[in-house]
């Protein structure tokens, strides 16, 4: 195999590692590209190409994450990861870990960890690297990495849901939710929501959003039902799509431009959280991005005329 072919074979793994460390599709792609440039520029043949490239992409991602943490501390409103429509890496032996770790809920939890804890957790718990490989990747001793994993596990366990829903259950509930959303059916929406459901949107201050954060089944159901039938009048549509391994939808304006991505967190037969990514900077990889401010002006105009 040529150098390019060898690298391309491992690209899905490298992207998946970088995305889980960074929570950003664009930054993960950049980290993988930088990894290729470094590999292409070396004349030394590594003993294990997988270990060498995984170490390289991890160190690049760690550097990016450390600088990104400063920006995220100044971020306007809630921060959510860039939506991932499909994970390019598959490993049947670790399918459960891979699926769980890419969910919006898990990625939000990973934000609580230090950069080192996050990298070590991803390599060890998600991808199953041995501790000597993890230690080499992050430049710490094996003993230190074991302590980092213990702390990371504790943080992740404390924030994880107690009951996970089966895939079929999630999809069926999501279908009912989006049918009710389309109809503006408050009662049906309320029946699908947990009593303490939370809804939030990540706009980064760069797009209009329904509200900063809403909590409670009745509040969320009424807000959703009061908005989306009006959005349909200005030809805003949505298509159901799995996002970060969870049920969700992509919202588009009449020309097909992407307005937002909505993800449902389904547990124990109810929707526990609704997260929307509205920041246009995080939607470019989904498709051409709409002018959300123009759509918002049209929406408000139609609502004033018909109310």
C-alpha atoms as a PDB file:
ATOM      1  CA  UNK A   1       0.000   0.000   0.000  1.00  0.00           C
ATOM      2  CA  UNK A   2       1.125   3.540  -0.691  1.00  0.00           C
ATOM      3  CA  UNK A   3       1.504   6.100   2.066  1.00  0.00           C
ATOM      4  CA  UNK A   4      -1.739   7.761   0.990  1.00  0.00           C
ATOM      5  CA  UNK A   5      -3.645   4.458   0.995  1.00  0.00           C
ATOM      6  CA  UNK A   6      -2.327   3.550   4.433  1.00  0.00           C
ATOM      7  CA  UNK A   7      -3.410   6.903   5.803  1.00  0.00           C
ATOM      8  CA  UNK A   8      -6.850   6.809   4.168  1.00  0.00           C
ATOM      9  CA  UNK A   9      -7.497   3.408   5.715  1.00  0.00           C
ATOM     10  CA  UNK A  10      -7.029   4.938   9.176  1.00  0.00           C
ATOM     11  CA  UNK A  11      -8.693   8.297   8.446  1.00  0.00           C
ATOM     12  CA  UNK A  12     -12.123   7.280   9.881  1.00  0.00           C
ATOM     13  CA  UNK A  13     -10.504   6.289  13.181  1.00  0.00           C
ATOM     14  CA  UNK A  14      -8.453   9.483  13.343  1.00  0.00           C
ATOM     15  CA  UNK A  15     -11.480  11.672  12.662  1.00  0.00           C
ATOM     16  CA  UNK A  16     -13.558   9.854  15.272  1.00  0.00           C
ATOM     17  CA  UNK A  17     -10.859  10.320  17.916  1.00  0.00           C
ATOM     18  CA  UNK A  18     -10.443  14.008  17.093  1.00  0.00           C
ATOM     19  CA  UNK A  19     -14.204  14.690  16.994  1.00  0.00           C
ATOM     20  CA  UNK A  20     -14.777  13.198  20.440  1.00  0.00           C
ATOM     21  CA  UNK A  21     -11.913  15.220  21.890  1.00  0.00           C
ATOM     22  CA  UNK A  22     -12.954  18.467  20.198  1.00  0.00           C
ATOM     23  CA  UNK A  23     -16.721  18.253  19.678  1.00  0.00           C
ATOM     24  CA  UNK A  24     -16.219  19.997  16.345  1.00  0.00           C
ATOM     25  CA  UNK A  25     -16.463  18.504  12.863  1.00  0.00           C
ATOM     26  CA  UNK A  26     -14.437  21.256  11.225  1.00  0.00           C
ATOM     27  CA  UNK A  27     -11.679  21.220  13.860  1.00  0.00           C
ATOM     28  CA  UNK A  28     -11.528  17.417  13.755  1.00  0.00           C
ATOM     29  CA  UNK A  29     -11.122  17.497   9.972  1.00  0.00           C
ATOM     30  CA  UNK A  30      -8.349  20.084  10.333  1.00  0.00           C
ATOM     31  CA  UNK A  31      -6.616  17.916  12.963  1.00  0.00           C
ATOM     32  CA  UNK A  32      -6.728  14.915  10.640  1.00  0.00           C
ATOM     33  CA  UNK A  33      -5.345  16.966   7.759  1.00  0.00           C
ATOM     34  CA  UNK A  34      -2.499  18.253   9.949  1.00  0.00           C
ATOM     35  CA  UNK A  35      -1.800  14.652  10.970  1.00  0.00           C
ATOM     36  CA  UNK A  36      -1.452  13.709   7.303  1.00  0.00           C
ATOM     37  CA  UNK A  37       0.947  16.593   6.640  1.00  0.00           C
ATOM     38  CA  UNK A  38       3.166  15.521   9.533  1.00  0.00           C
ATOM     39  CA  UNK A  39       3.100  11.883   8.444  1.00  0.00           C
ATOM     40  CA  UNK A  40       3.793  12.799   4.833  1.00  0.00           C
ATOM     41  CA  UNK A  41       6.734  14.907   5.939  1.00  0.00           C
ATOM     42  CA  UNK A  42       8.485  12.180   7.931  1.00  0.00           C
ATOM     43  CA  UNK A  43      10.938   9.708   6.444  1.00  0.00           C
ATOM     44  CA  UNK A  44      10.834   7.392   9.451  1.00  0.00           C
ATOM     45  CA  UNK A  45       8.684   4.285   9.172  1.00  0.00           C
ATOM     46  CA  UNK A  46       6.742   3.863  12.453  1.00  0.00           C
ATOM     47  CA  UNK A  47       6.580   0.417  14.040  1.00  0.00           C
ATOM     48  CA  UNK A  48       2.796   0.758  14.367  1.00  0.00           C
ATOM     49  CA  UNK A  49       1.189   3.202  11.975  1.00  0.00           C
ATOM     50  CA  UNK A  50      -2.094   3.138  13.897  1.00  0.00           C
ATOM     51  CA  UNK A  51      -0.334   4.042  17.152  1.00  0.00           C
ATOM     52  CA  UNK A  52       1.778   6.724  15.488  1.00  0.00           C
ATOM     53  CA  UNK A  53      -1.138   8.432  13.740  1.00  0.00           C
ATOM     54  CA  UNK A  54      -3.450   8.124  16.754  1.00  0.00           C
ATOM     55  CA  UNK A  55      -0.784   9.730  18.933  1.00  0.00           C
ATOM     56  CA  UNK A  56      -0.260  12.521  16.420  1.00  0.00           C
ATOM     57  CA  UNK A  57      -3.950  13.358  15.987  1.00  0.00           C
ATOM     58  CA  UNK A  58      -4.507  13.202  19.768  1.00  0.00           C
ATOM     59  CA  UNK A  59      -1.705  15.673  20.475  1.00  0.00           C
ATOM     60  CA  UNK A  60      -2.938  18.027  17.760  1.00  0.00           C
ATOM     61  CA  UNK A  61      -6.501  17.820  19.085  1.00  0.00           C
ATOM     62  CA  UNK A  62      -5.288  18.460  22.643  1.00  0.00           C
ATOM     63  CA  UNK A  63      -3.488  21.635  21.543  1.00  0.00           C
ATOM     64  CA  UNK A  64      -6.609  22.828  19.726  1.00  0.00           C
ATOM     65  CA  UNK A  65      -8.864  21.980  22.679  1.00  0.00           C
ATOM     66  CA  UNK A  66      -6.708  23.906  25.142  1.00  0.00           C
ATOM     67  CA  UNK A  67      -6.996  27.064  23.043  1.00  0.00           C
ATOM     68  CA  UNK A  68     -10.674  26.405  22.320  1.00  0.00           C
ATOM     69  CA  UNK A  69     -11.434  26.268  26.046  1.00  0.00           C
ATOM     70  CA  UNK A  70     -10.617  29.973  26.335  1.00  0.00           C
ATOM     71  CA  UNK A  71     -13.014  30.806  23.495  1.00  0.00           C
ATOM     72  CA  UNK A  72     -15.759  28.584  24.895  1.00  0.00           C
ATOM     73  CA  UNK A  73     -15.587  30.349  28.259  1.00  0.00           C
ATOM     74  CA  UNK A  74     -16.604  33.532  26.413  1.00  0.00           C
ATOM     75  CA  UNK A  75     -19.234  31.787  24.256  1.00  0.00           C
ATOM     76  CA  UNK A  76     -22.669  33.426  24.104  1.00  0.00           C
ATOM     77  CA  UNK A  77     -25.314  31.101  25.549  1.00  0.00           C
ATOM     78  CA  UNK A  78     -25.175  27.291  25.756  1.00  0.00           C
ATOM     79  CA  UNK A  79     -22.375  25.504  23.890  1.00  0.00           C
ATOM     80  CA  UNK A  80     -23.233  22.279  22.046  1.00  0.00           C
ATOM     81  CA  UNK A  81     -20.963  20.218  19.778  1.00  0.00           C
ATOM     82  CA  UNK A  82     -21.206  20.510  16.025  1.00  0.00           C
ATOM     83  CA  UNK A  83     -23.822  17.984  14.852  1.00  0.00           C
ATOM     84  CA  UNK A  84     -22.437  14.794  13.361  1.00  0.00           C
ATOM     85  CA  UNK A  85     -24.690  13.145  10.780  1.00  0.00           C
ATOM     86  CA  UNK A  86     -22.712   9.910  10.631  1.00  0.00           C
ATOM     87  CA  UNK A  87     -19.629   8.532  12.358  1.00  0.00           C
ATOM     88  CA  UNK A  88     -17.177   7.250   9.720  1.00  0.00           C
ATOM     89  CA  UNK A  89     -15.509   4.752  12.072  1.00  0.00           C
ATOM     90  CA  UNK A  90     -17.059   1.379  12.854  1.00  0.00           C
ATOM     91  CA  UNK A  91     -15.842  -1.346  15.189  1.00  0.00           C
ATOM     92  CA  UNK A  92     -18.368  -4.092  16.031  1.00  0.00           C
ATOM     93  CA  UNK A  93     -16.396  -5.007  19.157  1.00  0.00           C
ATOM     94  CA  UNK A  94     -16.846  -1.479  20.545  1.00  0.00           C
ATOM     95  CA  UNK A  95     -20.150  -0.502  18.941  1.00  0.00           C
ATOM     96  CA  UNK A  96     -21.810   0.389  22.263  1.00  0.00           C
ATOM     97  CA  UNK A  97     -18.960   2.607  23.451  1.00  0.00           C
ATOM     98  CA  UNK A  98     -18.718   4.349  20.075  1.00  0.00           C
ATOM     99  CA  UNK A  99     -22.453   5.042  19.855  1.00  0.00           C
ATOM    100  CA  UNK A 100     -22.738   6.264  23.439  1.00  0.00           C
ATOM    101  CA  UNK A 101     -19.689   8.520  23.278  1.00  0.00           C
ATOM    102  CA  UNK A 102     -20.831  10.417  20.191  1.00  0.00           C
ATOM    103  CA  UNK A 103     -24.250  11.431  21.557  1.00  0.00           C
ATOM    104  CA  UNK A 104     -24.900  15.092  22.286  1.00  0.00           C
ATOM    105  CA  UNK A 105     -25.476  14.248  25.941  1.00  0.00           C
ATOM    106  CA  UNK A 106     -22.100  12.490  26.250  1.00  0.00           C
ATOM    107  CA  UNK A 107     -20.216  15.215  24.396  1.00  0.00           C
ATOM    108  CA  UNK A 108     -21.730  17.871  26.650  1.00  0.00           C
ATOM    109  CA  UNK A 109     -20.577  15.815  29.654  1.00  0.00           C
ATOM    110  CA  UNK A 110     -17.086  15.504  28.166  1.00  0.00           C
ATOM    111  CA  UNK A 111     -16.890  19.298  28.260  1.00  0.00           C
ATOM    112  CA  UNK A 112     -16.714  19.030  32.056  1.00  0.00           C
ATOM    113  CA  UNK A 113     -13.412  17.153  31.881  1.00  0.00           C
ATOM    114  CA  UNK A 114      -9.979  18.706  31.622  1.00  0.00           C
ATOM    115  CA  UNK A 115      -8.397  18.346  28.163  1.00  0.00           C
ATOM    116  CA  UNK A 116      -6.107  15.560  29.420  1.00  0.00           C
ATOM    117  CA  UNK A 117      -8.947  13.704  31.135  1.00  0.00           C
ATOM    118  CA  UNK A 118     -11.007  13.968  27.986  1.00  0.00           C
ATOM    119  CA  UNK A 119      -8.272  12.648  25.703  1.00  0.00           C
ATOM    120  CA  UNK A 120      -7.381   9.770  28.019  1.00  0.00           C
ATOM    121  CA  UNK A 121     -11.042   8.834  28.490  1.00  0.00           C
ATOM    122  CA  UNK A 122     -11.678   8.846  24.737  1.00  0.00           C
ATOM    123  CA  UNK A 123      -8.639   6.727  23.912  1.00  0.00           C
ATOM    124  CA  UNK A 124      -9.082   4.223  26.745  1.00  0.00           C
ATOM    125  CA  UNK A 125     -12.829   3.962  27.348  1.00  0.00           C
ATOM    126  CA  UNK A 126     -14.154   4.600  23.847  1.00  0.00           C
ATOM    127  CA  UNK A 127     -11.501   3.152  21.553  1.00  0.00           C
ATOM    128  CA  UNK A 128      -9.972   0.591  23.900  1.00  0.00           C
ATOM    129  CA  UNK A 129      -6.320   1.631  23.632  1.00  0.00           C
ATOM    130  CA  UNK A 130      -3.962  -0.016  26.113  1.00  0.00           C
ATOM    131  CA  UNK A 131      -2.618   2.201  28.874  1.00  0.00           C
ATOM    132  CA  UNK A 132       0.909   2.210  27.435  1.00  0.00           C
ATOM    133  CA  UNK A 133      -0.515   3.491  24.139  1.00  0.00           C
ATOM    134  CA  UNK A 134      -2.609   6.123  25.922  1.00  0.00           C
ATOM    135  CA  UNK A 135       0.420   7.245  27.943  1.00  0.00           C
ATOM    136  CA  UNK A 136       2.502   7.611  24.789  1.00  0.00           C
ATOM    137  CA  UNK A 137      -0.263   9.586  23.077  1.00  0.00           C
ATOM    138  CA  UNK A 138      -0.702  12.184  25.827  1.00  0.00           C
ATOM    139  CA  UNK A 139       2.879  12.257  27.107  1.00  0.00           C
ATOM    140  CA  UNK A 140       2.103  11.104  30.648  1.00  0.00           C
ATOM    141  CA  UNK A 141       3.030   8.024  32.672  1.00  0.00           C
ATOM    142  CA  UNK A 142       0.758   4.993  32.706  1.00  0.00           C
ATOM    143  CA  UNK A 143       0.070   5.566  36.399  1.00  0.00           C
ATOM    144  CA  UNK A 144      -0.986   9.149  35.727  1.00  0.00           C
ATOM    145  CA  UNK A 145      -3.244   8.006  32.890  1.00  0.00           C
ATOM    146  CA  UNK A 146      -4.927   5.456  35.142  1.00  0.00           C
ATOM    147  CA  UNK A 147      -5.720   8.226  37.621  1.00  0.00           C
ATOM    148  CA  UNK A 148      -7.022  10.449  34.848  1.00  0.00           C
ATOM    149  CA  UNK A 149      -9.335   7.667  33.660  1.00  0.00           C
ATOM    150  CA  UNK A 150     -10.651   7.096  37.188  1.00  0.00           C
ATOM    151  CA  UNK A 151     -11.513  10.786  37.562  1.00  0.00           C
ATOM    152  CA  UNK A 152     -13.040  10.963  34.095  1.00  0.00           C
ATOM    153  CA  UNK A 153     -15.173   7.860  34.683  1.00  0.00           C
ATOM    154  CA  UNK A 154     -16.496   9.360  37.900  1.00  0.00           C
ATOM    155  CA  UNK A 155     -17.467  12.646  36.222  1.00  0.00           C
ATOM    156  CA  UNK A 156     -19.101  10.857  33.305  1.00  0.00           C
ATOM    157  CA  UNK A 157     -20.935   8.349  35.513  1.00  0.00           C
ATOM    158  CA  UNK A 158     -22.355  11.089  37.764  1.00  0.00           C
ATOM    159  CA  UNK A 159     -23.876  12.863  34.775  1.00  0.00           C
ATOM    160  CA  UNK A 160     -25.128   9.876  32.791  1.00  0.00           C
ATOM    161  CA  UNK A 161     -28.792   8.862  32.607  1.00  0.00           C
ATOM    162  CA  UNK A 162     -29.879   5.807  34.575  1.00  0.00           C
ATOM    163  CA  UNK A 163     -32.019   4.286  31.823  1.00  0.00           C
ATOM    164  CA  UNK A 164     -31.168   4.181  28.128  1.00  0.00           C
ATOM    165  CA  UNK A 165     -33.853   3.719  25.469  1.00  0.00           C
ATOM    166  CA  UNK A 166     -33.708   1.085  22.759  1.00  0.00           C
ATOM    167  CA  UNK A 167     -33.111   2.350  19.227  1.00  0.00           C
ATOM    168  CA  UNK A 168     -36.592   1.287  18.052  1.00  0.00           C
ATOM    169  CA  UNK A 169     -38.194   3.023  21.020  1.00  0.00           C
ATOM    170  CA  UNK A 170     -36.268   6.234  20.332  1.00  0.00           C
ATOM    171  CA  UNK A 171     -37.245   6.260  16.670  1.00  0.00           C
ATOM    172  CA  UNK A 172     -40.918   5.574  17.336  1.00  0.00           C
ATOM    173  CA  UNK A 173     -41.131   8.283  19.987  1.00  0.00           C
ATOM    174  CA  UNK A 174     -39.275  10.756  17.760  1.00  0.00           C
ATOM    175  CA  UNK A 175     -41.692  10.099  14.899  1.00  0.00           C
ATOM    176  CA  UNK A 176     -44.635  10.873  17.178  1.00  0.00           C
ATOM    177  CA  UNK A 177     -42.892  13.987  18.489  1.00  0.00           C
ATOM    178  CA  UNK A 178     -42.242  15.461  15.060  1.00  0.00           C
ATOM    179  CA  UNK A 179     -45.791  14.629  13.899  1.00  0.00           C
ATOM    180  CA  UNK A 180     -47.130  16.535  16.907  1.00  0.00           C
ATOM    181  CA  UNK A 181     -44.677  19.358  16.250  1.00  0.00           C
ATOM    182  CA  UNK A 182     -45.862  19.664  12.661  1.00  0.00           C
ATOM    183  CA  UNK A 183     -49.482  19.886  13.825  1.00  0.00           C
ATOM    184  CA  UNK A 184     -48.798  22.172  16.770  1.00  0.00           C
ATOM    185  CA  UNK A 185     -50.521  19.647  19.041  1.00  0.00           C
ATOM    186  CA  UNK A 186     -49.785  20.796  22.597  1.00  0.00           C
ATOM    187  CA  UNK A 187     -51.394  17.806  24.314  1.00  0.00           C
ATOM    188  CA  UNK A 188     -49.554  15.214  22.203  1.00  0.00           C
ATOM    189  CA  UNK A 189     -46.251  17.015  22.665  1.00  0.00           C
ATOM    190  CA  UNK A 190     -46.768  17.228  26.415  1.00  0.00           C
ATOM    191  CA  UNK A 191     -47.494  13.491  26.633  1.00  0.00           C
ATOM    192  CA  UNK A 192     -44.124  12.686  25.059  1.00  0.00           C
ATOM    193  CA  UNK A 193     -42.058  14.962  27.301  1.00  0.00           C
ATOM    194  CA  UNK A 194     -40.633  14.192  30.723  1.00  0.00           C
ATOM    195  CA  UNK A 195     -41.982  16.451  33.455  1.00  0.00           C
ATOM    196  CA  UNK A 196     -38.555  18.065  33.887  1.00  0.00           C
ATOM    197  CA  UNK A 197     -37.656  18.159  30.195  1.00  0.00           C
ATOM    198  CA  UNK A 198     -35.217  20.904  29.216  1.00  0.00           C
ATOM    199  CA  UNK A 199     -34.908  22.653  25.865  1.00  0.00           C
ATOM    200  CA  UNK A 200     -31.996  24.851  24.836  1.00  0.00           C
ATOM    201  CA  UNK A 201     -30.442  26.172  21.667  1.00  0.00           C
ATOM    202  CA  UNK A 202     -26.861  26.950  20.715  1.00  0.00           C
ATOM    203  CA  UNK A 203     -26.862  30.075  18.571  1.00  0.00           C
ATOM    204  CA  UNK A 204     -23.563  31.550  19.723  1.00  0.00           C
ATOM    205  CA  UNK A 205     -25.300  34.911  19.458  1.00  0.00           C
ATOM    206  CA  UNK A 206     -25.210  34.570  15.668  1.00  0.00           C
ATOM    207  CA  UNK A 207     -28.798  33.470  14.977  1.00  0.00           C
ATOM    208  CA  UNK A 208     -32.252  33.991  16.493  1.00  0.00           C
ATOM    209  CA  UNK A 209     -33.526  31.291  18.842  1.00  0.00           C
ATOM    210  CA  UNK A 210     -36.816  30.408  20.497  1.00  0.00           C
ATOM    211  CA  UNK A 211     -35.562  31.013  24.011  1.00  0.00           C
ATOM    212  CA  UNK A 212     -32.294  30.785  25.923  1.00  0.00           C
ATOM    213  CA  UNK A 213     -33.539  27.786  27.932  1.00  0.00           C
ATOM    214  CA  UNK A 214     -36.958  26.362  28.785  1.00  0.00           C
ATOM    215  CA  UNK A 215     -37.746  23.747  31.436  1.00  0.00           C
ATOM    216  CA  UNK A 216     -40.914  21.723  32.103  1.00  0.00           C
ATOM    217  CA  UNK A 217     -43.218  19.690  29.851  1.00  0.00           C
ATOM    218  CA  UNK A 218     -46.005  22.251  29.681  1.00  0.00           C
ATOM    219  CA  UNK A 219     -43.685  25.200  28.987  1.00  0.00           C
ATOM    220  CA  UNK A 220     -41.761  23.347  26.274  1.00  0.00           C
ATOM    221  CA  UNK A 221     -44.886  21.918  24.614  1.00  0.00           C
ATOM    222  CA  UNK A 222     -46.639  25.296  24.486  1.00  0.00           C
ATOM    223  CA  UNK A 223     -43.589  27.088  23.107  1.00  0.00           C
ATOM    224  CA  UNK A 224     -43.010  24.514  20.371  1.00  0.00           C
ATOM    225  CA  UNK A 225     -46.687  24.402  19.415  1.00  0.00           C
ATOM    226  CA  UNK A 226     -46.846  28.189  19.238  1.00  0.00           C
ATOM    227  CA  UNK A 227     -43.949  28.430  16.786  1.00  0.00           C
ATOM    228  CA  UNK A 228     -43.706  25.617  14.265  1.00  0.00           C
ATOM    229  CA  UNK A 229     -47.150  25.813  12.603  1.00  0.00           C
ATOM    230  CA  UNK A 230     -46.270  29.448  11.831  1.00  0.00           C
ATOM    231  CA  UNK A 231     -42.886  28.413  10.491  1.00  0.00           C
ATOM    232  CA  UNK A 232     -44.656  26.054   8.097  1.00  0.00           C
ATOM    233  CA  UNK A 233     -46.536  29.047   6.670  1.00  0.00           C
ATOM    234  CA  UNK A 234     -43.256  30.482   5.432  1.00  0.00           C
ATOM    235  CA  UNK A 235     -42.249  27.106   3.974  1.00  0.00           C
ATOM    236  CA  UNK A 236     -39.845  26.015   6.700  1.00  0.00           C
ATOM    237  CA  UNK A 237     -39.665  22.223   6.617  1.00  0.00           C
ATOM    238  CA  UNK A 238     -37.803  19.555   8.526  1.00  0.00           C
ATOM    239  CA  UNK A 239     -36.540  16.104   7.688  1.00  0.00           C
ATOM    240  CA  UNK A 240     -35.977  13.416  10.273  1.00  0.00           C
ATOM    241  CA  UNK A 241     -32.344  12.398  10.549  1.00  0.00           C
ATOM    242  CA  UNK A 242     -30.173  10.539  13.025  1.00  0.00           C
ATOM    243  CA  UNK A 243     -27.758  13.061  14.531  1.00  0.00           C
ATOM    244  CA  UNK A 244     -24.914  12.062  16.827  1.00  0.00           C
ATOM    245  CA  UNK A 245     -26.547   8.639  17.056  1.00  0.00           C
ATOM    246  CA  UNK A 246     -29.796  10.123  18.393  1.00  0.00           C
ATOM    247  CA  UNK A 247     -33.139  10.898  16.717  1.00  0.00           C
ATOM    248  CA  UNK A 248     -33.405  14.408  15.394  1.00  0.00           C
ATOM    249  CA  UNK A 249     -34.214  16.591  12.424  1.00  0.00           C
ATOM    250  CA  UNK A 250     -32.670  19.088  10.051  1.00  0.00           C
ATOM    251  CA  UNK A 251     -34.707  22.278   9.542  1.00  0.00           C
ATOM    252  CA  UNK A 252     -34.552  24.070   6.180  1.00  0.00           C
ATOM    253  CA  UNK A 253     -36.007  27.235   4.658  1.00  0.00           C
ATOM    254  CA  UNK A 254     -37.839  27.191   1.332  1.00  0.00           C
ATOM    255  CA  UNK A 255     -34.656  27.276  -0.765  1.00  0.00           C
ATOM    256  CA  UNK A 256     -33.209  24.306   1.100  1.00  0.00           C
ATOM    257  CA  UNK A 257     -30.759  26.243   3.268  1.00  0.00           C
ATOM    258  CA  UNK A 258     -30.087  24.760   6.701  1.00  0.00           C
ATOM    259  CA  UNK A 259     -31.618  26.716   9.574  1.00  0.00           C
ATOM    260  CA  UNK A 260     -31.023  24.406  12.509  1.00  0.00           C
ATOM    261  CA  UNK A 261     -30.493  20.883  13.709  1.00  0.00           C
ATOM    262  CA  UNK A 262     -32.598  19.511  16.567  1.00  0.00           C
ATOM    263  CA  UNK A 263     -31.640  16.448  18.626  1.00  0.00           C
ATOM    264  CA  UNK A 264     -33.853  14.543  21.068  1.00  0.00           C
ATOM    265  CA  UNK A 265     -32.476  12.849  24.176  1.00  0.00           C
ATOM    266  CA  UNK A 266     -34.844   9.920  24.787  1.00  0.00           C
ATOM    267  CA  UNK A 267     -34.711   7.939  28.022  1.00  0.00           C
ATOM    268  CA  UNK A 268     -37.154   5.617  29.773  1.00  0.00           C
ATOM    269  CA  UNK A 269     -39.897   6.215  27.218  1.00  0.00           C
ATOM    270  CA  UNK A 270     -39.796  10.011  27.413  1.00  0.00           C
ATOM    271  CA  UNK A 271     -37.955  12.935  25.870  1.00  0.00           C
ATOM    272  CA  UNK A 272     -35.677  14.282  28.570  1.00  0.00           C
ATOM    273  CA  UNK A 273     -33.876  17.000  26.632  1.00  0.00           C
ATOM    274  CA  UNK A 274     -34.193  18.846  23.333  1.00  0.00           C
ATOM    275  CA  UNK A 275     -31.013  20.432  22.003  1.00  0.00           C
ATOM    276  CA  UNK A 276     -30.844  22.617  18.909  1.00  0.00           C
ATOM    277  CA  UNK A 277     -27.775  23.872  17.089  1.00  0.00           C
ATOM    278  CA  UNK A 278     -28.592  27.158  15.350  1.00  0.00           C
ATOM    279  CA  UNK A 279     -25.163  28.770  15.153  1.00  0.00           C
ATOM    280  CA  UNK A 280     -24.449  29.041  11.406  1.00  0.00           C
ATOM    281  CA  UNK A 281     -20.739  28.483  12.047  1.00  0.00           C
ATOM    282  CA  UNK A 282     -21.597  24.935  13.169  1.00  0.00           C
ATOM    283  CA  UNK A 283     -23.890  24.004  10.279  1.00  0.00           C
ATOM    284  CA  UNK A 284     -21.775  24.450   7.152  1.00  0.00           C
ATOM    285  CA  UNK A 285     -20.904  20.749   6.916  1.00  0.00           C
ATOM    286  CA  UNK A 286     -24.625  19.844   6.988  1.00  0.00           C
ATOM    287  CA  UNK A 287     -25.383  21.863   3.840  1.00  0.00           C
ATOM    288  CA  UNK A 288     -25.690  25.429   2.528  1.00  0.00           C
ATOM    289  CA  UNK A 289     -26.624  27.601   5.512  1.00  0.00           C
ATOM    290  CA  UNK A 290     -29.734  29.789   5.425  1.00  0.00           C
ATOM    291  CA  UNK A 291     -29.970  33.420   6.489  1.00  0.00           C
ATOM    292  CA  UNK A 292     -31.711  32.750   9.798  1.00  0.00           C
ATOM    293  CA  UNK A 293     -32.239  36.444  10.535  1.00  0.00           C
ATOM    294  CA  UNK A 294     -34.132  36.911   7.260  1.00  0.00           C
ATOM    295  CA  UNK A 295     -36.292  33.877   8.018  1.00  0.00           C
ATOM    296  CA  UNK A 296     -36.965  35.234  11.508  1.00  0.00           C
ATOM    297  CA  UNK A 297     -38.096  38.592  10.089  1.00  0.00           C
ATOM    298  CA  UNK A 298     -40.456  36.840   7.680  1.00  0.00           C
ATOM    299  CA  UNK A 299     -41.779  34.625  10.480  1.00  0.00           C
ATOM    300  CA  UNK A 300     -42.510  37.603  12.731  1.00  0.00           C
ATOM    301  CA  UNK A 301     -44.183  39.473   9.891  1.00  0.00           C
ATOM    302  CA  UNK A 302     -46.505  36.581   9.071  1.00  0.00           C
ATOM    303  CA  UNK A 303     -47.341  36.062  12.727  1.00  0.00           C
ATOM    304  CA  UNK A 304     -48.239  39.757  13.183  1.00  0.00           C
ATOM    305  CA  UNK A 305     -50.512  39.745  10.111  1.00  0.00           C
ATOM    306  CA  UNK A 306     -52.418  36.628  11.111  1.00  0.00           C
ATOM    307  CA  UNK A 307     -52.552  37.057  14.888  1.00  0.00           C
END
